[in-house]
Amino acid sequence: MTSALKVMALPKPGKARPEVRPGVAEGFDHVVVDESQGPFHVVAYLERELPAGGIPAYLAARKDGARSFVLWAEPERRSRVATLVTTSAGGGVSEYQVWGGQGELLGTLVREKALSGKGLRTRWTVAQTGRPVAVGLKGRIFWWYAWWLLSPLWVAIGVGSLFAGGGDVPRGPRRIVWRADGETPLEYRSEDNVLVHAPWADWRLAAALTAVVRSFDSWLGTPWDEKKK
């Protein structure tokens, strides 16, 4: 069965919150849900793991592509589903390791920004321990050409949205399809979820991938780890 993992923002304290398992996720702003099991089926509670310099140091490092966060199994922070750490970042290329709750290496994620020297599209590489490497490119070439050809129209729509006080500006192509040895183990769709197709794909690594991809949301979006408090 295909899982559909998605980062979901929780309402601020004091406002109505969805039912999540178990208890209420007080102290958390975002969770990872498996929509294939129900709209509020939480599989992990997201929290940044801050460096010695706190939030300012984290925000400064994230500009170069660095990320560091924990996926907790429960809101009480008793056990870790996974931990993502940055091994290198800079020059448009970032590499991350994802560790399991028992200290085992689940895999490595690499993001190569578009036009960073490796191609015209952003490249995401997922290397799960003991499995073939999966490579995914953001968007299709045809749709990127169409997007840039129509870019003046998007600008006009954006200006109109500002004057109208609402509305959304169409985003560039966002779909990512990972391929490995003729298979399609993972897929990221414009609905902001990662589909886990392959039975052998580790859902913990996929959950970390979902969180880190969403942290690179465009300026039109709201990266979950960018908060200043």
Protein backbone atom coordinates (compact mmCIF):
# COMPACT_ATOMS: atom_id res chain seq x y z
CA MET A 1 0.00 0.00 0.00
CA THR A 2 1.30 3.45 -0.92
CA SER A 3 1.83 5.81 2.00
CA ALA A 4 1.25 9.55 1.57
CA LEU A 5 3.44 11.54 3.97
CA LYS A 6 2.85 15.24 4.44
CA VAL A 7 4.03 18.03 6.76
CA MET A 8 0.98 19.57 8.42
CA ALA A 9 0.93 22.81 10.41
CA LEU A 10 -0.94 22.67 13.69
CA PRO A 11 -3.12 25.59 14.78
CA LYS A 12 -1.61 27.90 17.37
CA PRO A 13 -2.23 27.12 21.05
CA GLY A 14 -5.66 28.23 22.18
CA LYS A 15 -7.28 27.45 18.86
CA ALA A 16 -9.06 24.26 17.85
CA ARG A 17 -6.61 21.47 17.09
CA PRO A 18 -7.19 18.30 15.08
CA GLU A 19 -7.33 15.00 16.91
CA VAL A 20 -3.88 13.39 16.79
CA ARG A 21 -2.52 10.21 18.34
CA PRO A 22 -2.02 10.08 21.29
CA GLY A 23 -2.85 13.28 23.12
CA VAL A 24 -2.38 16.84 21.94
CA ALA A 25 0.89 18.01 20.40
CA GLU A 26 1.45 20.99 22.68
CA GLY A 27 4.78 22.67 22.02
CA PHE A 28 4.88 21.57 18.37
CA ASP A 29 4.01 23.64 15.32
CA HIS A 30 4.27 20.92 12.67
CA VAL A 31 3.79 17.17 12.40
CA VAL A 32 4.23 14.56 9.67
CA VAL A 33 0.99 12.78 8.86
CA ASP A 34 0.24 9.74 6.73
CA GLU A 35 -2.81 10.83 4.76
CA SER A 36 -3.31 7.31 3.41
CA GLN A 37 -4.21 6.28 6.98
CA GLY A 38 -6.43 9.28 7.67
CA PRO A 39 -6.10 13.08 7.51
CA PHE A 40 -4.72 13.41 11.06
CA HIS A 41 -2.76 10.16 11.42
CA VAL A 42 0.47 11.55 12.89
CA VAL A 43 3.62 9.49 12.40
CA ALA A 44 6.13 12.05 13.72
CA TYR A 45 6.32 15.35 15.60
CA LEU A 46 8.76 17.82 14.01
CA GLU A 47 11.21 19.90 15.99
CA ARG A 48 14.33 21.78 14.97
CA GLU A 49 17.53 20.73 16.73
CA LEU A 50 19.23 24.05 17.38
CA PRO A 51 23.02 24.60 17.44
CA ALA A 52 24.90 26.31 20.26
CA GLY A 53 23.98 29.74 18.93
CA GLY A 54 20.26 28.99 19.12
CA ILE A 55 17.69 30.15 16.58
CA PRO A 56 19.85 32.95 15.05
CA ALA A 57 22.65 30.45 14.34
CA TYR A 58 20.20 27.96 12.84
CA LEU A 59 18.63 30.57 10.55
CA ALA A 60 22.05 31.79 9.44
CA ALA A 61 23.21 28.25 8.61
CA ARG A 62 20.00 27.32 6.79
CA LYS A 63 20.71 30.04 4.20
CA ASP A 64 23.56 27.84 2.96
CA GLY A 65 21.33 24.75 2.97
CA ALA A 66 22.07 23.40 6.46
CA ARG A 67 19.22 21.67 8.29
CA SER A 68 18.94 19.87 11.64
CA PHE A 69 15.75 18.44 13.11
CA VAL A 70 14.21 15.59 15.06
CA LEU A 71 11.14 13.51 14.27
CA TRP A 72 9.65 12.44 17.60
CA ALA A 73 7.41 9.40 17.92
CA GLU A 74 5.17 11.07 20.49
CA PRO A 75 4.47 14.60 21.78
CA GLU A 76 6.14 13.78 25.10
CA ARG A 77 9.52 13.43 23.27
CA ARG A 78 10.22 9.98 24.72
CA SER A 79 11.65 8.35 21.58
CA ARG A 80 13.01 9.48 18.25
CA VAL A 81 11.70 8.22 14.95
CA ALA A 82 14.65 9.76 13.14
CA THR A 83 17.18 12.58 13.32
CA LEU A 84 18.44 14.56 10.35
CA VAL A 85 21.87 16.22 10.49
CA THR A 86 23.86 18.17 7.90
CA THR A 87 27.22 16.71 6.88
CA SER A 88 28.06 19.45 4.37
CA ALA A 89 26.39 22.53 2.89
CA GLY A 90 27.40 25.33 0.57
CA GLY A 91 27.70 26.19 -3.09
CA GLY A 92 24.16 25.03 -3.74
CA VAL A 93 24.85 21.45 -2.61
CA SER A 94 23.71 20.09 0.75
CA GLU A 95 24.20 16.58 2.13
CA TYR A 96 22.31 15.14 5.09
CA GLN A 97 22.41 11.94 7.10
CA VAL A 98 19.28 10.46 8.64
CA TRP A 99 19.70 8.35 11.77
CA GLY A 100 17.19 6.03 13.40
CA GLY A 101 16.09 6.02 17.02
CA GLN A 102 18.69 3.37 17.94
CA GLY A 103 21.57 5.27 16.36
CA GLU A 104 21.50 3.35 13.07
CA LEU A 105 22.16 5.12 9.78
CA LEU A 106 18.95 5.03 7.73
CA GLY A 107 20.37 6.76 4.69
CA THR A 108 21.77 9.88 3.07
CA LEU A 109 19.95 12.71 1.29
CA VAL A 110 21.63 15.11 -1.13
CA ARG A 111 20.13 18.27 -2.61
CA GLU A 112 21.83 19.91 -5.60
CA LYS A 113 20.26 23.25 -6.37
CA ALA A 114 19.31 24.07 -9.95
CA LEU A 115 22.12 25.72 -11.94
CA SER A 116 24.66 24.81 -9.24
CA GLY A 117 26.81 23.07 -11.84
CA LYS A 118 24.99 19.72 -12.00
CA GLY A 119 22.02 20.61 -14.21
CA LEU A 120 19.13 22.92 -14.98
CA ARG A 121 16.83 21.37 -12.38
CA THR A 122 17.17 20.77 -8.65
CA ARG A 123 18.35 17.21 -8.03
CA TRP A 124 17.45 15.17 -4.95
CA THR A 125 19.36 11.93 -4.28
CA VAL A 126 18.12 9.40 -1.72
CA ALA A 127 20.54 6.66 -0.68
CA GLN A 128 18.86 4.24 1.72
CA THR A 129 21.26 1.92 3.51
CA GLY A 130 21.42 -1.41 1.70
CA ARG A 131 19.21 -0.27 -1.18
CA PRO A 132 19.79 1.19 -4.67
CA VAL A 133 20.32 4.93 -4.92
CA ALA A 134 17.23 6.86 -6.07
CA VAL A 135 17.55 10.11 -8.02
CA GLY A 136 14.78 12.63 -8.58
CA LEU A 137 14.69 15.90 -10.57
CA LYS A 138 12.33 18.73 -9.72
CA GLY A 139 9.76 19.28 -12.44
CA ARG A 140 9.87 18.32 -16.09
CA ILE A 141 11.88 20.23 -18.68
CA PHE A 142 8.80 20.92 -20.83
CA TRP A 143 6.86 22.46 -17.95
CA TRP A 144 9.85 24.54 -16.87
CA TYR A 145 10.10 26.00 -20.39
CA ALA A 146 6.37 26.68 -20.38
CA TRP A 147 6.65 28.30 -16.94
CA TRP A 148 9.40 30.73 -17.98
CA LEU A 149 7.71 31.58 -21.26
CA LEU A 150 4.59 32.57 -19.32
CA SER A 151 6.49 34.29 -16.48
CA PRO A 152 5.18 37.79 -17.41
CA LEU A 153 1.67 36.43 -16.90
CA TRP A 154 2.56 35.11 -13.43
CA VAL A 155 3.92 38.56 -12.48
CA ALA A 156 0.67 40.17 -13.58
CA ILE A 157 -1.32 37.65 -11.56
CA GLY A 158 0.86 38.31 -8.54
CA VAL A 159 0.34 42.08 -8.74
CA GLY A 160 -3.40 41.55 -9.18
CA SER A 161 -3.49 39.29 -6.13
CA LEU A 162 -1.83 41.98 -4.01
CA PHE A 163 -4.38 44.61 -5.02
CA ALA A 164 -7.25 42.14 -4.57
CA GLY A 165 -6.04 41.25 -1.09
CA GLY A 166 -5.88 37.51 -1.72
CA GLY A 167 -5.39 34.74 -4.22
CA ASP A 168 -2.42 32.54 -5.02
CA VAL A 169 0.32 32.99 -7.59
CA PRO A 170 0.93 29.83 -9.64
CA ARG A 171 4.17 28.15 -8.60
CA GLY A 172 6.81 26.60 -10.81
CA PRO A 173 6.85 22.84 -11.47
CA ARG A 174 7.37 21.00 -8.19
CA ARG A 175 6.83 17.30 -8.83
CA ILE A 176 9.78 15.01 -8.13
CA VAL A 177 9.86 11.36 -9.20
CA TRP A 178 12.68 9.27 -7.76
CA ARG A 179 13.92 6.38 -9.89
CA ALA A 180 16.15 3.50 -8.83
CA ASP A 181 16.98 0.43 -10.94
CA GLY A 182 13.82 0.76 -13.01
CA GLU A 183 11.59 1.36 -9.98
CA THR A 184 9.83 4.48 -8.71
CA PRO A 185 10.15 4.11 -4.93
CA LEU A 186 9.27 7.71 -4.03
CA GLU A 187 7.35 10.61 -5.53
CA TYR A 188 6.75 14.20 -4.43
CA ARG A 189 3.61 15.87 -5.72
CA SER A 190 2.37 19.43 -5.85
CA GLU A 191 -0.03 18.58 -3.00
CA ASP A 192 3.11 18.73 -0.80
CA ASN A 193 3.17 15.03 0.02
CA VAL A 194 5.73 12.31 -0.55
CA LEU A 195 4.28 9.06 -1.82
CA VAL A 196 6.12 5.93 -0.72
CA HIS A 197 5.51 3.35 -3.47
CA ALA A 198 8.19 0.71 -2.86
CA PRO A 199 7.56 -1.79 -0.04
CA TRP A 200 11.26 -1.76 0.80
CA ALA A 201 11.45 2.03 1.23
CA ASP A 202 12.02 2.96 4.89
CA TRP A 203 9.13 5.21 5.95
CA ARG A 204 11.34 6.91 8.55
CA LEU A 205 13.76 8.04 5.84
CA ALA A 206 10.79 9.06 3.70
CA ALA A 207 9.37 11.11 6.59
CA ALA A 208 12.70 12.92 7.00
CA LEU A 209 12.78 13.48 3.23
CA THR A 210 9.28 14.96 3.38
CA ALA A 211 10.34 17.38 6.11
CA VAL A 212 13.56 18.50 4.44
CA VAL A 213 11.95 18.97 1.01
CA ARG A 214 9.22 21.12 2.60
CA SER A 215 11.89 23.16 4.38
CA PHE A 216 13.06 24.28 0.92
CA ASP A 217 9.66 25.67 0.00
CA SER A 218 9.85 28.62 -2.38
CA TRP A 219 9.35 32.26 -1.39
CA LEU A 220 5.69 31.75 -2.23
CA GLY A 221 5.43 29.05 0.42
CA THR A 222 6.05 28.82 4.15
CA PRO A 223 9.06 26.65 5.11
CA TRP A 224 8.16 24.98 8.40
CA ASP A 225 11.62 25.43 9.97
CA GLU A 226 12.03 29.15 9.22
CA LYS A 227 10.24 30.53 12.28
CA LYS A 228 12.17 33.11 14.29
CA LYS A 229 10.90 32.05 17.73
